[in-house]
Amino acid sequence: MWAHTGRGHFVTPTEDHLDILETFLSRRKNLYFDISWDEVTQYVVKDKQSLEVWAALINRYPDRFLFGTDSVAPNNNGKYALTYKRYAKLWLEKAETHFTKLVKCS
């Protein structure tokens, strides 16, 4: 399990971040990525291009992404669920065929 898709020490992804993820996914059949951190979400859903490339990656490896809850210091239930809500564009518009699988496996 690679938390935060490998981010944590740094938050802003490098230009080749998704290429790196693709390389690891293709070479390591037992590698999984967690996409739950609220800091990761903002880069996944920031614009149409980002949504497209993330959805394409998730659609190619639907069994390899996990979603949970990893919000930084939420002080109420609304903030706790905010990450899930931010991903709505990804779930509904881009990766809807794999959404159920992603959530059920998580």
N, C-alpha and C. Protein backbone atom coordinates (compact mmCIF):
# COMPACT_ATOMS: atom_id res chain seq x y z
N MET A 1 0.85 -1.17 0.00
CA MET A 1 0.00 0.00 0.00
C MET A 1 0.89 1.23 0.00
N TRP A 2 0.70 2.03 -0.99
CA TRP A 2 1.47 3.26 -1.09
C TRP A 2 0.52 4.41 -0.78
N ALA A 3 0.63 4.94 0.42
CA ALA A 3 -0.29 5.98 0.87
C ALA A 3 -0.08 7.27 0.09
N HIS A 4 -1.17 7.94 -0.15
CA HIS A 4 -1.19 9.26 -0.78
C HIS A 4 -0.57 9.25 -2.18
N THR A 5 -0.59 8.13 -2.84
CA THR A 5 0.05 7.93 -4.15
C THR A 5 1.51 8.36 -4.12
N GLY A 6 2.15 8.11 -3.00
CA GLY A 6 3.57 8.41 -2.88
C GLY A 6 3.88 9.81 -2.43
N ARG A 7 2.87 10.59 -2.17
CA ARG A 7 3.11 11.96 -1.71
C ARG A 7 2.94 12.00 -0.20
N GLY A 8 3.58 12.90 0.41
CA GLY A 8 3.47 13.06 1.85
C GLY A 8 4.57 13.98 2.34
N HIS A 9 5.80 13.63 2.01
CA HIS A 9 6.90 14.52 2.34
C HIS A 9 6.76 15.81 1.54
N PHE A 10 6.25 15.66 0.32
CA PHE A 10 5.90 16.81 -0.50
C PHE A 10 4.47 16.61 -0.94
N VAL A 11 3.75 17.68 -1.19
CA VAL A 11 2.34 17.56 -1.54
C VAL A 11 2.12 17.77 -3.03
N THR A 12 2.71 18.80 -3.58
CA THR A 12 2.52 19.11 -4.99
C THR A 12 3.17 18.03 -5.85
N PRO A 13 2.40 17.40 -6.72
CA PRO A 13 2.98 16.33 -7.54
C PRO A 13 3.95 16.88 -8.59
N THR A 14 4.93 16.08 -8.93
CA THR A 14 5.83 16.43 -10.02
C THR A 14 5.12 16.24 -11.34
N GLU A 15 5.67 16.79 -12.40
CA GLU A 15 5.03 16.68 -13.72
C GLU A 15 4.90 15.23 -14.17
N ASP A 16 5.81 14.39 -13.74
CA ASP A 16 5.80 12.99 -14.18
C ASP A 16 5.19 12.05 -13.14
N HIS A 17 4.45 12.59 -12.19
CA HIS A 17 3.90 11.78 -11.10
C HIS A 17 3.04 10.62 -11.61
N LEU A 18 2.13 10.89 -12.52
CA LEU A 18 1.27 9.82 -13.02
C LEU A 18 2.04 8.81 -13.85
N ASP A 19 3.05 9.26 -14.56
CA ASP A 19 3.90 8.33 -15.30
C ASP A 19 4.63 7.39 -14.34
N ILE A 20 5.07 7.93 -13.23
CA ILE A 20 5.74 7.11 -12.21
C ILE A 20 4.76 6.09 -11.64
N LEU A 21 3.54 6.53 -11.34
CA LEU A 21 2.53 5.60 -10.82
C LEU A 21 2.25 4.49 -11.83
N GLU A 22 2.10 4.86 -13.09
CA GLU A 22 1.84 3.88 -14.16
C GLU A 22 2.98 2.86 -14.24
N THR A 23 4.20 3.33 -14.16
CA THR A 23 5.35 2.43 -14.21
C THR A 23 5.32 1.43 -13.07
N PHE A 24 5.09 1.94 -11.86
CA PHE A 24 5.04 1.05 -10.71
C PHE A 24 3.87 0.07 -10.80
N LEU A 25 2.71 0.54 -11.22
CA LEU A 25 1.55 -0.34 -11.34
C LEU A 25 1.80 -1.45 -12.36
N SER A 26 2.45 -1.13 -13.44
CA SER A 26 2.70 -2.14 -14.47
C SER A 26 3.76 -3.15 -14.05
N ARG A 27 4.65 -2.78 -13.17
CA ARG A 27 5.75 -3.66 -12.77
C ARG A 27 5.52 -4.40 -11.46
N ARG A 28 4.65 -3.87 -10.62
CA ARG A 28 4.43 -4.45 -9.29
C ARG A 28 2.95 -4.81 -9.14
N LYS A 29 2.64 -6.07 -9.38
CA LYS A 29 1.24 -6.52 -9.39
C LYS A 29 0.58 -6.48 -8.01
N ASN A 30 1.37 -6.38 -6.97
CA ASN A 30 0.80 -6.35 -5.62
C ASN A 30 0.86 -4.96 -5.00
N LEU A 31 1.03 -3.93 -5.80
CA LEU A 31 1.09 -2.56 -5.31
C LEU A 31 -0.28 -1.90 -5.43
N TYR A 32 -0.68 -1.23 -4.36
CA TYR A 32 -1.95 -0.52 -4.32
C TYR A 32 -1.69 0.92 -3.89
N PHE A 33 -2.53 1.83 -4.37
CA PHE A 33 -2.41 3.24 -4.01
C PHE A 33 -3.63 3.70 -3.25
N ASP A 34 -3.38 4.41 -2.18
CA ASP A 34 -4.44 5.05 -1.41
C ASP A 34 -4.61 6.47 -1.93
N ILE A 35 -5.85 6.86 -2.23
CA ILE A 35 -6.12 8.21 -2.74
C ILE A 35 -7.00 9.01 -1.78
N SER A 36 -6.93 8.67 -0.50
CA SER A 36 -7.87 9.24 0.48
C SER A 36 -7.46 10.57 1.08
N TRP A 37 -6.22 10.90 1.06
CA TRP A 37 -5.75 12.11 1.73
C TRP A 37 -6.37 13.34 1.08
N ASP A 38 -6.93 14.21 1.88
CA ASP A 38 -7.59 15.39 1.34
C ASP A 38 -6.64 16.29 0.57
N GLU A 39 -5.36 16.26 0.86
CA GLU A 39 -4.39 17.05 0.11
C GLU A 39 -4.19 16.50 -1.31
N VAL A 40 -4.31 15.21 -1.49
CA VAL A 40 -4.18 14.59 -2.82
C VAL A 40 -5.37 14.98 -3.70
N THR A 41 -6.53 15.01 -3.11
CA THR A 41 -7.77 15.27 -3.85
C THR A 41 -7.72 16.54 -4.67
N GLN A 42 -7.20 17.58 -4.09
CA GLN A 42 -7.20 18.87 -4.79
C GLN A 42 -6.45 18.83 -6.11
N TYR A 43 -5.46 17.97 -6.23
CA TYR A 43 -4.71 17.86 -7.49
C TYR A 43 -5.40 16.93 -8.49
N VAL A 44 -6.12 15.96 -7.99
CA VAL A 44 -6.83 15.03 -8.87
C VAL A 44 -7.99 15.72 -9.58
N VAL A 45 -8.73 16.54 -8.86
CA VAL A 45 -9.94 17.16 -9.42
C VAL A 45 -9.76 18.63 -9.79
N LYS A 46 -8.55 19.11 -9.88
CA LYS A 46 -8.32 20.54 -10.07
C LYS A 46 -8.82 21.09 -11.40
N ASP A 47 -8.80 20.27 -12.46
CA ASP A 47 -9.29 20.73 -13.76
C ASP A 47 -9.64 19.53 -14.63
N LYS A 48 -10.19 19.81 -15.79
CA LYS A 48 -10.66 18.74 -16.68
C LYS A 48 -9.52 17.81 -17.11
N GLN A 49 -8.38 18.36 -17.43
CA GLN A 49 -7.26 17.54 -17.86
C GLN A 49 -6.81 16.59 -16.76
N SER A 50 -6.72 17.10 -15.55
CA SER A 50 -6.32 16.27 -14.42
C SER A 50 -7.33 15.15 -14.18
N LEU A 51 -8.62 15.49 -14.24
CA LEU A 51 -9.66 14.46 -14.10
C LEU A 51 -9.51 13.38 -15.15
N GLU A 52 -9.26 13.78 -16.37
CA GLU A 52 -9.14 12.82 -17.48
C GLU A 52 -7.98 11.85 -17.26
N VAL A 53 -6.82 12.37 -16.91
CA VAL A 53 -5.65 11.49 -16.78
C VAL A 53 -5.76 10.59 -15.55
N TRP A 54 -6.30 11.12 -14.45
CA TRP A 54 -6.49 10.29 -13.27
C TRP A 54 -7.54 9.21 -13.53
N ALA A 55 -8.63 9.59 -14.17
CA ALA A 55 -9.68 8.60 -14.47
C ALA A 55 -9.13 7.51 -15.39
N ALA A 56 -8.33 7.89 -16.36
CA ALA A 56 -7.76 6.90 -17.27
C ALA A 56 -6.87 5.92 -16.51
N LEU A 57 -6.07 6.43 -15.59
CA LEU A 57 -5.21 5.56 -14.80
C LEU A 57 -6.03 4.63 -13.92
N ILE A 58 -7.02 5.18 -13.23
CA ILE A 58 -7.88 4.35 -12.38
C ILE A 58 -8.64 3.32 -13.21
N ASN A 59 -9.11 3.70 -14.38
CA ASN A 59 -9.84 2.77 -15.24
C ASN A 59 -8.95 1.66 -15.76
N ARG A 60 -7.65 1.92 -15.92
CA ARG A 60 -6.72 0.87 -16.36
C ARG A 60 -6.38 -0.08 -15.22
N TYR A 61 -6.42 0.40 -13.99
CA TYR A 61 -6.06 -0.40 -12.82
C TYR A 61 -7.12 -0.26 -11.73
N PRO A 62 -8.36 -0.64 -12.00
CA PRO A 62 -9.44 -0.38 -11.04
C PRO A 62 -9.31 -1.13 -9.72
N ASP A 63 -8.58 -2.22 -9.71
CA ASP A 63 -8.42 -2.99 -8.48
C ASP A 63 -7.25 -2.51 -7.63
N ARG A 64 -6.58 -1.48 -8.06
CA ARG A 64 -5.33 -1.10 -7.41
C ARG A 64 -5.39 0.24 -6.67
N PHE A 65 -6.57 0.85 -6.64
CA PHE A 65 -6.74 2.12 -5.93
C PHE A 65 -7.72 1.93 -4.79
N LEU A 66 -7.38 2.47 -3.64
CA LEU A 66 -8.21 2.34 -2.45
C LEU A 66 -8.62 3.72 -1.97
N PHE A 67 -9.83 3.80 -1.51
CA PHE A 67 -10.32 5.05 -0.96
C PHE A 67 -10.80 4.81 0.46
N GLY A 68 -10.46 5.71 1.33
CA GLY A 68 -10.92 5.64 2.72
C GLY A 68 -11.16 7.05 3.21
N THR A 69 -10.80 7.30 4.44
CA THR A 69 -10.92 8.65 4.97
C THR A 69 -9.59 9.04 5.58
N ASP A 70 -9.04 10.11 5.10
CA ASP A 70 -7.76 10.60 5.61
C ASP A 70 -7.77 12.12 5.54
N SER A 71 -8.64 12.71 6.31
CA SER A 71 -8.75 14.16 6.36
C SER A 71 -7.87 14.69 7.49
N VAL A 72 -7.25 15.82 7.24
CA VAL A 72 -6.38 16.42 8.24
C VAL A 72 -7.22 17.19 9.26
N ALA A 73 -7.29 16.68 10.45
CA ALA A 73 -7.96 17.31 11.59
C ALA A 73 -9.37 17.83 11.31
N PRO A 74 -10.28 16.96 10.84
CA PRO A 74 -11.65 17.44 10.65
C PRO A 74 -12.31 17.69 12.00
N ASN A 75 -13.04 18.79 12.09
CA ASN A 75 -13.69 19.09 13.37
C ASN A 75 -15.20 18.87 13.35
N ASN A 76 -15.70 18.30 12.23
CA ASN A 76 -17.11 17.91 12.17
C ASN A 76 -17.28 16.88 11.06
N ASN A 77 -18.45 16.25 11.02
CA ASN A 77 -18.70 15.19 10.04
C ASN A 77 -18.67 15.70 8.61
N GLY A 78 -19.10 16.93 8.40
CA GLY A 78 -19.08 17.50 7.05
C GLY A 78 -17.68 17.59 6.49
N LYS A 79 -16.75 18.03 7.31
CA LYS A 79 -15.36 18.12 6.87
C LYS A 79 -14.75 16.74 6.71
N TYR A 80 -15.20 15.80 7.51
CA TYR A 80 -14.70 14.43 7.44
C TYR A 80 -15.06 13.80 6.09
N ALA A 81 -16.23 14.13 5.58
CA ALA A 81 -16.70 13.55 4.31
C ALA A 81 -16.33 14.41 3.10
N LEU A 82 -15.67 15.51 3.32
CA LEU A 82 -15.36 16.44 2.24
C LEU A 82 -14.51 15.81 1.13
N THR A 83 -13.56 14.99 1.47
CA THR A 83 -12.70 14.36 0.45
C THR A 83 -13.55 13.53 -0.50
N TYR A 84 -14.44 12.74 0.04
CA TYR A 84 -15.33 11.94 -0.80
C TYR A 84 -16.15 12.83 -1.73
N LYS A 85 -16.67 13.91 -1.20
CA LYS A 85 -17.49 14.82 -2.00
C LYS A 85 -16.66 15.51 -3.08
N ARG A 86 -15.42 15.84 -2.77
CA ARG A 86 -14.54 16.47 -3.77
C ARG A 86 -14.27 15.53 -4.94
N TYR A 87 -14.25 14.25 -4.66
CA TYR A 87 -14.01 13.27 -5.72
C TYR A 87 -15.25 13.01 -6.58
N ALA A 88 -16.37 13.63 -6.28
CA ALA A 88 -17.61 13.37 -7.02
C ALA A 88 -17.44 13.51 -8.53
N LYS A 89 -16.71 14.52 -8.96
CA LYS A 89 -16.49 14.68 -10.40
C LYS A 89 -15.78 13.48 -10.99
N LEU A 90 -14.82 12.96 -10.27
CA LEU A 90 -14.10 11.78 -10.75
C LEU A 90 -15.02 10.57 -10.78
N TRP A 91 -15.74 10.34 -9.69
CA TRP A 91 -16.62 9.17 -9.61
C TRP A 91 -17.69 9.23 -10.69
N LEU A 92 -18.37 10.34 -10.78
CA LEU A 92 -19.54 10.42 -11.64
C LEU A 92 -19.23 10.66 -13.11
N GLU A 93 -18.25 11.47 -13.39
CA GLU A 93 -18.01 11.87 -14.76
C GLU A 93 -16.97 11.02 -15.48
N LYS A 94 -16.02 10.49 -14.74
CA LYS A 94 -14.89 9.89 -15.43
C LYS A 94 -14.67 8.41 -15.14
N ALA A 95 -14.83 8.01 -13.93
CA ALA A 95 -14.50 6.64 -13.55
C ALA A 95 -15.72 5.90 -13.04
N GLU A 96 -16.89 6.26 -13.56
CA GLU A 96 -18.11 5.72 -12.99
C GLU A 96 -18.22 4.20 -13.14
N THR A 97 -17.64 3.63 -14.19
CA THR A 97 -17.74 2.18 -14.35
C THR A 97 -16.95 1.44 -13.28
N HIS A 98 -15.98 2.10 -12.70
CA HIS A 98 -15.16 1.45 -11.69
C HIS A 98 -15.40 1.98 -10.28
N PHE A 99 -16.28 2.94 -10.16
CA PHE A 99 -16.56 3.55 -8.86
C PHE A 99 -17.03 2.52 -7.84
N THR A 100 -17.99 1.70 -8.20
CA THR A 100 -18.52 0.72 -7.26
C THR A 100 -17.43 -0.24 -6.81
N LYS A 101 -16.61 -0.67 -7.74
CA LYS A 101 -15.52 -1.57 -7.40
C LYS A 101 -14.53 -0.89 -6.46
N LEU A 102 -14.21 0.34 -6.74
CA LEU A 102 -13.26 1.10 -5.93
C LEU A 102 -13.76 1.23 -4.51
N VAL A 103 -15.01 1.62 -4.35
CA VAL A 103 -15.58 1.83 -3.02
C VAL A 103 -15.78 0.50 -2.29
N LYS A 104 -16.26 -0.52 -3.00
CA LYS A 104 -16.48 -1.82 -2.35
C LYS A 104 -15.18 -2.44 -1.86
N CYS A 105 -14.12 -2.28 -2.63
CA CYS A 105 -12.84 -2.86 -2.24
C CYS A 105 -12.21 -2.10 -1.10
N SER A 106 -12.57 -0.84 -0.96
CA SER A 106 -11.99 -0.03 0.10
C SER A 106 -12.74 -0.27 1.38
